Amino acid sequence: MVKKIRTYSTEFKAEAVKKISDNNGNISATAKQLGIAMQTLSNWHNKANQGKLVGTEQYDPDLMTALQEIKQLKRQL
C-alpha cells in the first residue's frame, strides 16, 4: 500500500499556525480541528518561530536569501 503524501498551501500553513494562538497554544487541539497530524503542525509552528514559514509575521525573505547563500557557499567549500 502506497502512502499518499499531502501537500498544503503556504496560506493554509500560515493560517494553521495562527489558529494555535486561538486555542491558547494547544497544538494538539488545533491539529485535530484542522484534520492534520500534530507533528506536521508542530513542525510548521517551529518554522514560523524561526522565521522560515512564508506568510507569517516572523518570515523575513532577506534572511532566507542570506541563509540559502550561506548553504551554497558551505557546499562549495
C-alpha atoms as a PDB file:
ATOM      1  CA  MET A   1       0.000   0.000   0.000  1.00  0.00           C
ATOM      2  CA  VAL A   2       1.373   3.363  -1.011  1.00  0.00           C
ATOM      3  CA  LYS A   3       1.018   6.215   1.433  1.00  0.00           C
ATOM      4  CA  LYS A   4      -0.363   9.404  -0.108  1.00  0.00           C
ATOM      5  CA  ILE A   5       1.673  12.487   0.704  1.00  0.00           C
ATOM      6  CA  ARG A   6      -0.496  15.534   1.280  1.00  0.00           C
ATOM      7  CA  THR A   7       0.753  18.964   0.361  1.00  0.00           C
ATOM      8  CA  TYR A   8      -0.577  22.166   1.858  1.00  0.00           C
ATOM      9  CA  SER A   9      -0.504  25.708   0.525  1.00  0.00           C
ATOM     10  CA  THR A  10       1.571  28.352   2.263  1.00  0.00           C
ATOM     11  CA  GLU A  11      -1.651  30.212   3.107  1.00  0.00           C
ATOM     12  CA  PHE A  12      -3.075  27.133   4.847  1.00  0.00           C
ATOM     13  CA  LYS A  13       0.128  26.658   6.839  1.00  0.00           C
ATOM     14  CA  ALA A  14       0.165  30.286   7.955  1.00  0.00           C
ATOM     15  CA  GLU A  15      -3.498  30.176   8.979  1.00  0.00           C
ATOM     16  CA  ALA A  16      -2.965  26.905  10.850  1.00  0.00           C
ATOM     17  CA  VAL A  17      -0.103  28.428  12.841  1.00  0.00           C
ATOM     18  CA  LYS A  18      -2.256  31.486  13.657  1.00  0.00           C
ATOM     19  CA  LYS A  19      -5.046  29.199  14.928  1.00  0.00           C
ATOM     20  CA  ILE A  20      -2.696  27.776  17.550  1.00  0.00           C
ATOM     21  CA  SER A  21      -2.904  31.046  19.470  1.00  0.00           C
ATOM     22  CA  ASP A  22      -6.727  30.920  19.225  1.00  0.00           C
ATOM     23  CA  ASN A  23      -6.534  27.591  21.083  1.00  0.00           C
ATOM     24  CA  ASN A  24      -4.322  29.034  23.831  1.00  0.00           C
ATOM     25  CA  GLY A  25      -1.202  27.483  22.324  1.00  0.00           C
ATOM     26  CA  ASN A  26      -2.664  23.964  22.191  1.00  0.00           C
ATOM     27  CA  ILE A  27      -1.110  22.397  19.083  1.00  0.00           C
ATOM     28  CA  SER A  28      -2.841  19.041  19.569  1.00  0.00           C
ATOM     29  CA  ALA A  29      -6.352  20.516  19.668  1.00  0.00           C
ATOM     30  CA  THR A  30      -5.630  22.745  16.677  1.00  0.00           C
ATOM     31  CA  ALA A  31      -4.332  19.804  14.647  1.00  0.00           C
ATOM     32  CA  LYS A  32      -7.467  17.792  15.443  1.00  0.00           C
ATOM     33  CA  GLN A  33      -9.698  20.714  14.396  1.00  0.00           C
ATOM     34  CA  LEU A  34      -7.861  21.040  11.081  1.00  0.00           C
ATOM     35  CA  GLY A  35      -7.601  17.298  10.461  1.00  0.00           C
ATOM     36  CA  ILE A  36      -3.823  17.244  10.172  1.00  0.00           C
ATOM     37  CA  ALA A  37      -1.108  15.420  12.088  1.00  0.00           C
ATOM     38  CA  MET A  38       0.052  17.074  15.288  1.00  0.00           C
ATOM     39  CA  GLN A  39       3.710  16.622  14.304  1.00  0.00           C
ATOM     40  CA  THR A  40       3.081  18.399  10.994  1.00  0.00           C
ATOM     41  CA  LEU A  41       1.529  21.388  12.726  1.00  0.00           C
ATOM     42  CA  SER A  42       4.296  21.380  15.314  1.00  0.00           C
ATOM     43  CA  ASN A  43       6.912  21.499  12.549  1.00  0.00           C
ATOM     44  CA  TRP A  44       5.134  24.452  10.918  1.00  0.00           C
ATOM     45  CA  HIS A  45       4.936  26.212  14.288  1.00  0.00           C
ATOM     46  CA  ASN A  46       8.672  25.727  14.861  1.00  0.00           C
ATOM     47  CA  LYS A  47       9.470  27.054  11.378  1.00  0.00           C
ATOM     48  CA  ALA A  48       7.268  30.088  11.993  1.00  0.00           C
ATOM     49  CA  ASN A  49       9.084  30.798  15.247  1.00  0.00           C
ATOM     50  CA  GLN A  50      12.411  30.577  13.405  1.00  0.00           C
ATOM     51  CA  GLY A  51      11.171  32.986  10.728  1.00  0.00           C
ATOM     52  CA  LYS A  52      11.234  30.366   7.984  1.00  0.00           C
ATOM     53  CA  LEU A  53       7.499  29.934   7.277  1.00  0.00           C
ATOM     54  CA  VAL A  54       6.178  32.034   4.409  1.00  0.00           C
ATOM     55  CA  GLY A  55       3.051  34.000   5.288  1.00  0.00           C
ATOM     56  CA  THR A  56       3.789  34.500   8.963  1.00  0.00           C
ATOM     57  CA  GLU A  57       4.804  37.750  10.598  1.00  0.00           C
ATOM     58  CA  GLN A  58       8.224  36.435  11.503  1.00  0.00           C
ATOM     59  CA  TYR A  59       9.067  35.426   7.914  1.00  0.00           C
ATOM     60  CA  ASP A  60      11.922  37.512   6.549  1.00  0.00           C
ATOM     61  CA  PRO A  61      12.710  36.965   2.848  1.00  0.00           C
ATOM     62  CA  ASP A  62      16.082  38.713   3.187  1.00  0.00           C
ATOM     63  CA  LEU A  63      17.061  36.324   5.959  1.00  0.00           C
ATOM     64  CA  MET A  64      16.035  33.329   3.860  1.00  0.00           C
ATOM     65  CA  THR A  65      18.077  34.587   0.904  1.00  0.00           C
ATOM     66  CA  ALA A  66      21.118  35.004   3.135  1.00  0.00           C
ATOM     67  CA  LEU A  67      20.673  31.518   4.618  1.00  0.00           C
ATOM     68  CA  GLN A  68      20.428  29.960   1.161  1.00  0.00           C
ATOM     69  CA  GLU A  69      23.587  31.780   0.088  1.00  0.00           C
ATOM     70  CA  ILE A  70      25.409  30.527   3.185  1.00  0.00           C
ATOM     71  CA  LYS A  71      24.343  26.946   2.452  1.00  0.00           C
ATOM     72  CA  GLN A  72      25.554  27.257  -1.132  1.00  0.00           C
ATOM     73  CA  LEU A  73      28.927  28.661  -0.062  1.00  0.00           C
ATOM     74  CA  LYS A  74      29.357  25.873   2.514  1.00  0.00           C
ATOM     75  CA  ARG A  75      28.748  23.288  -0.199  1.00  0.00           C
ATOM     76  CA  GLN A  76      31.365  24.937  -2.401  1.00  0.00           C
ATOM     77  CA  LEU A  77      33.911  24.788   0.406  1.00  0.00           C
END
